[in-house]
Amino acid sequence: MEAPGGDLTGPDRESQEVSMLALDLLQAALVHVNTLLLQEVLAEPKWADKLTDADRRALSPLFWTHVNPYSRFELNMSNRLDLNPAATIPGQRTSQDQPAPAP
């Protein structure tokens, strides 16, 4: 996929493009999982009082320090991440907060 210098490896341009698309997909999946994890933490009442608006604006799902891309991954498909998709963030917009679409 990627050489130590940051260059994409592959015998031709098409292989390099597939590698780049795979990295894009990996990043999108990581951001999705990180977003779910952030939502779960922010749904806890103790964090609602601690975080200021500036703290909330500084949050980003683009962190990756918990990922080890150069190691062996052992997947246990019988276990799932306990992510609650119904968790809401305090102050999160609801459908009632949204303005009605213009006709």
C-alpha atoms as a PDB file:
ATOM      1  CA  MET A   1       0.000   0.000   0.000  1.00  0.00           C
ATOM      2  CA  GLU A   2       2.304   2.745   1.219  1.00  0.00           C
ATOM      3  CA  ALA A   3       6.079   2.680   1.266  1.00  0.00           C
ATOM      4  CA  PRO A   4       7.978   3.983   4.323  1.00  0.00           C
ATOM      5  CA  GLY A   5       8.671   7.261   2.505  1.00  0.00           C
ATOM      6  CA  GLY A   6       4.962   7.883   1.992  1.00  0.00           C
ATOM      7  CA  ASP A   7       4.903   6.883  -1.684  1.00  0.00           C
ATOM      8  CA  LEU A   8       2.219   4.496  -2.874  1.00  0.00           C
ATOM      9  CA  THR A   9       3.600   1.223  -4.129  1.00  0.00           C
ATOM     10  CA  GLY A  10       2.345  -0.829  -7.025  1.00  0.00           C
ATOM     11  CA  PRO A  11       3.422  -1.979 -10.453  1.00  0.00           C
ATOM     12  CA  ASP A  12       1.231   0.541 -12.288  1.00  0.00           C
ATOM     13  CA  ARG A  13      -0.949   3.612 -11.891  1.00  0.00           C
ATOM     14  CA  GLU A  14      -4.142   1.543 -11.492  1.00  0.00           C
ATOM     15  CA  SER A  15      -2.678  -0.366  -8.524  1.00  0.00           C
ATOM     16  CA  GLN A  16      -1.658   2.899  -6.915  1.00  0.00           C
ATOM     17  CA  GLU A  17      -5.157   4.295  -7.431  1.00  0.00           C
ATOM     18  CA  VAL A  18      -6.730   1.208  -5.813  1.00  0.00           C
ATOM     19  CA  SER A  19      -4.336   1.617  -2.867  1.00  0.00           C
ATOM     20  CA  MET A  20      -5.341   5.266  -2.506  1.00  0.00           C
ATOM     21  CA  LEU A  21      -9.046   4.397  -2.629  1.00  0.00           C
ATOM     22  CA  ALA A  22      -8.518   1.708   0.016  1.00  0.00           C
ATOM     23  CA  LEU A  23      -6.830   4.267   2.270  1.00  0.00           C
ATOM     24  CA  ASP A  24      -9.745   6.670   1.734  1.00  0.00           C
ATOM     25  CA  LEU A  25     -12.208   3.937   2.675  1.00  0.00           C
ATOM     26  CA  LEU A  26     -10.182   3.064   5.768  1.00  0.00           C
ATOM     27  CA  GLN A  27     -10.133   6.713   6.838  1.00  0.00           C
ATOM     28  CA  ALA A  28     -13.902   7.056   6.327  1.00  0.00           C
ATOM     29  CA  ALA A  29     -14.545   3.925   8.411  1.00  0.00           C
ATOM     30  CA  LEU A  30     -12.225   5.163  11.153  1.00  0.00           C
ATOM     31  CA  VAL A  31     -13.947   8.557  11.266  1.00  0.00           C
ATOM     32  CA  HIS A  32     -17.341   6.832  11.486  1.00  0.00           C
ATOM     33  CA  VAL A  33     -16.306   4.633  14.418  1.00  0.00           C
ATOM     34  CA  ASN A  34     -14.564   7.554  16.146  1.00  0.00           C
ATOM     35  CA  THR A  35     -17.702   9.675  15.745  1.00  0.00           C
ATOM     36  CA  LEU A  36     -19.809   6.958  17.372  1.00  0.00           C
ATOM     37  CA  LEU A  37     -17.312   6.654  20.219  1.00  0.00           C
ATOM     38  CA  LEU A  38     -17.279  10.437  20.753  1.00  0.00           C
ATOM     39  CA  GLN A  39     -21.066  10.550  20.793  1.00  0.00           C
ATOM     40  CA  GLU A  40     -21.165   7.802  23.400  1.00  0.00           C
ATOM     41  CA  VAL A  41     -18.722   9.635  25.669  1.00  0.00           C
ATOM     42  CA  LEU A  42     -20.420  13.011  25.195  1.00  0.00           C
ATOM     43  CA  ALA A  43     -23.800  11.514  26.067  1.00  0.00           C
ATOM     44  CA  GLU A  44     -22.569  10.971  29.629  1.00  0.00           C
ATOM     45  CA  PRO A  45     -23.911  13.746  31.896  1.00  0.00           C
ATOM     46  CA  LYS A  46     -20.558  14.332  33.625  1.00  0.00           C
ATOM     47  CA  TRP A  47     -19.077  15.544  30.319  1.00  0.00           C
ATOM     48  CA  ALA A  48     -22.017  17.840  29.557  1.00  0.00           C
ATOM     49  CA  ASP A  49     -20.997  20.127  32.418  1.00  0.00           C
ATOM     50  CA  LYS A  50     -17.246  19.963  31.826  1.00  0.00           C
ATOM     51  CA  LEU A  51     -17.017  20.853  28.128  1.00  0.00           C
ATOM     52  CA  THR A  52     -17.338  24.445  27.025  1.00  0.00           C
ATOM     53  CA  ASP A  53     -18.539  25.492  23.584  1.00  0.00           C
ATOM     54  CA  ALA A  54     -14.894  26.038  22.600  1.00  0.00           C
ATOM     55  CA  ASP A  55     -14.063  22.492  23.736  1.00  0.00           C
ATOM     56  CA  ARG A  56     -16.888  21.093  21.632  1.00  0.00           C
ATOM     57  CA  ARG A  57     -15.765  23.046  18.561  1.00  0.00           C
ATOM     58  CA  ALA A  58     -12.247  21.627  18.978  1.00  0.00           C
ATOM     59  CA  LEU A  59     -13.427  17.998  18.918  1.00  0.00           C
ATOM     60  CA  SER A  60     -12.581  16.054  15.804  1.00  0.00           C
ATOM     61  CA  PRO A  61     -13.177  12.431  14.793  1.00  0.00           C
ATOM     62  CA  LEU A  62      -9.883  12.426  12.879  1.00  0.00           C
ATOM     63  CA  PHE A  63      -7.775  11.095  15.744  1.00  0.00           C
ATOM     64  CA  TRP A  64      -5.921   7.852  15.137  1.00  0.00           C
ATOM     65  CA  THR A  65      -3.549   7.352  18.058  1.00  0.00           C
ATOM     66  CA  HIS A  66      -5.534   4.240  19.067  1.00  0.00           C
ATOM     67  CA  VAL A  67      -4.787   2.598  15.702  1.00  0.00           C
ATOM     68  CA  ASN A  68      -1.735   0.445  15.037  1.00  0.00           C
ATOM     69  CA  PRO A  69      -1.584   0.098  11.233  1.00  0.00           C
ATOM     70  CA  TYR A  70       1.726  -1.807  11.226  1.00  0.00           C
ATOM     71  CA  SER A  71       0.775  -4.713  13.425  1.00  0.00           C
ATOM     72  CA  ARG A  72      -1.265  -7.880  13.319  1.00  0.00           C
ATOM     73  CA  PHE A  73      -5.000  -7.506  13.742  1.00  0.00           C
ATOM     74  CA  GLU A  74      -6.941 -10.301  15.387  1.00  0.00           C
ATOM     75  CA  LEU A  75     -10.649  -9.892  14.794  1.00  0.00           C
ATOM     76  CA  ASN A  76     -13.157 -11.515  17.087  1.00  0.00           C
ATOM     77  CA  MET A  77     -16.355 -11.497  15.054  1.00  0.00           C
ATOM     78  CA  SER A  78     -18.390 -12.774  18.020  1.00  0.00           C
ATOM     79  CA  ASN A  79     -17.790  -9.484  19.902  1.00  0.00           C
ATOM     80  CA  ARG A  80     -19.086  -6.095  18.842  1.00  0.00           C
ATOM     81  CA  LEU A  81     -18.266  -2.581  19.917  1.00  0.00           C
ATOM     82  CA  ASP A  82     -20.919  -1.485  22.363  1.00  0.00           C
ATOM     83  CA  LEU A  83     -21.902   1.628  20.442  1.00  0.00           C
ATOM     84  CA  ASN A  84     -25.320   3.033  21.159  1.00  0.00           C
ATOM     85  CA  PRO A  85     -26.533   4.679  17.943  1.00  0.00           C
ATOM     86  CA  ALA A  86     -29.487   6.145  19.855  1.00  0.00           C
ATOM     87  CA  ALA A  87     -27.205   8.126  22.171  1.00  0.00           C
ATOM     88  CA  THR A  88     -27.631  11.844  21.759  1.00  0.00           C
ATOM     89  CA  ILE A  89     -25.185  14.554  22.587  1.00  0.00           C
ATOM     90  CA  PRO A  90     -26.408  17.215  25.021  1.00  0.00           C
ATOM     91  CA  GLY A  91     -27.200  20.262  22.936  1.00  0.00           C
ATOM     92  CA  GLN A  92     -27.442  18.193  19.754  1.00  0.00           C
ATOM     93  CA  ARG A  93     -29.958  19.421  17.185  1.00  0.00           C
ATOM     94  CA  THR A  94     -33.143  17.496  16.768  1.00  0.00           C
ATOM     95  CA  SER A  95     -35.532  17.452  13.833  1.00  0.00           C
ATOM     96  CA  GLN A  96     -37.720  19.994  15.649  1.00  0.00           C
ATOM     97  CA  ASP A  97     -34.770  22.452  15.738  1.00  0.00           C
ATOM     98  CA  GLN A  98     -34.311  22.301  11.966  1.00  0.00           C
ATOM     99  CA  PRO A  99     -35.950  25.026   9.895  1.00  0.00           C
ATOM    100  CA  ALA A 100     -38.610  23.836   7.502  1.00  0.00           C
ATOM    101  CA  PRO A 101     -37.353  23.451   3.908  1.00  0.00           C
ATOM    102  CA  ALA A 102     -38.345  26.228   1.520  1.00  0.00           C
ATOM    103  CA  PRO A 103     -41.061  25.244  -0.992  1.00  0.00           C
END
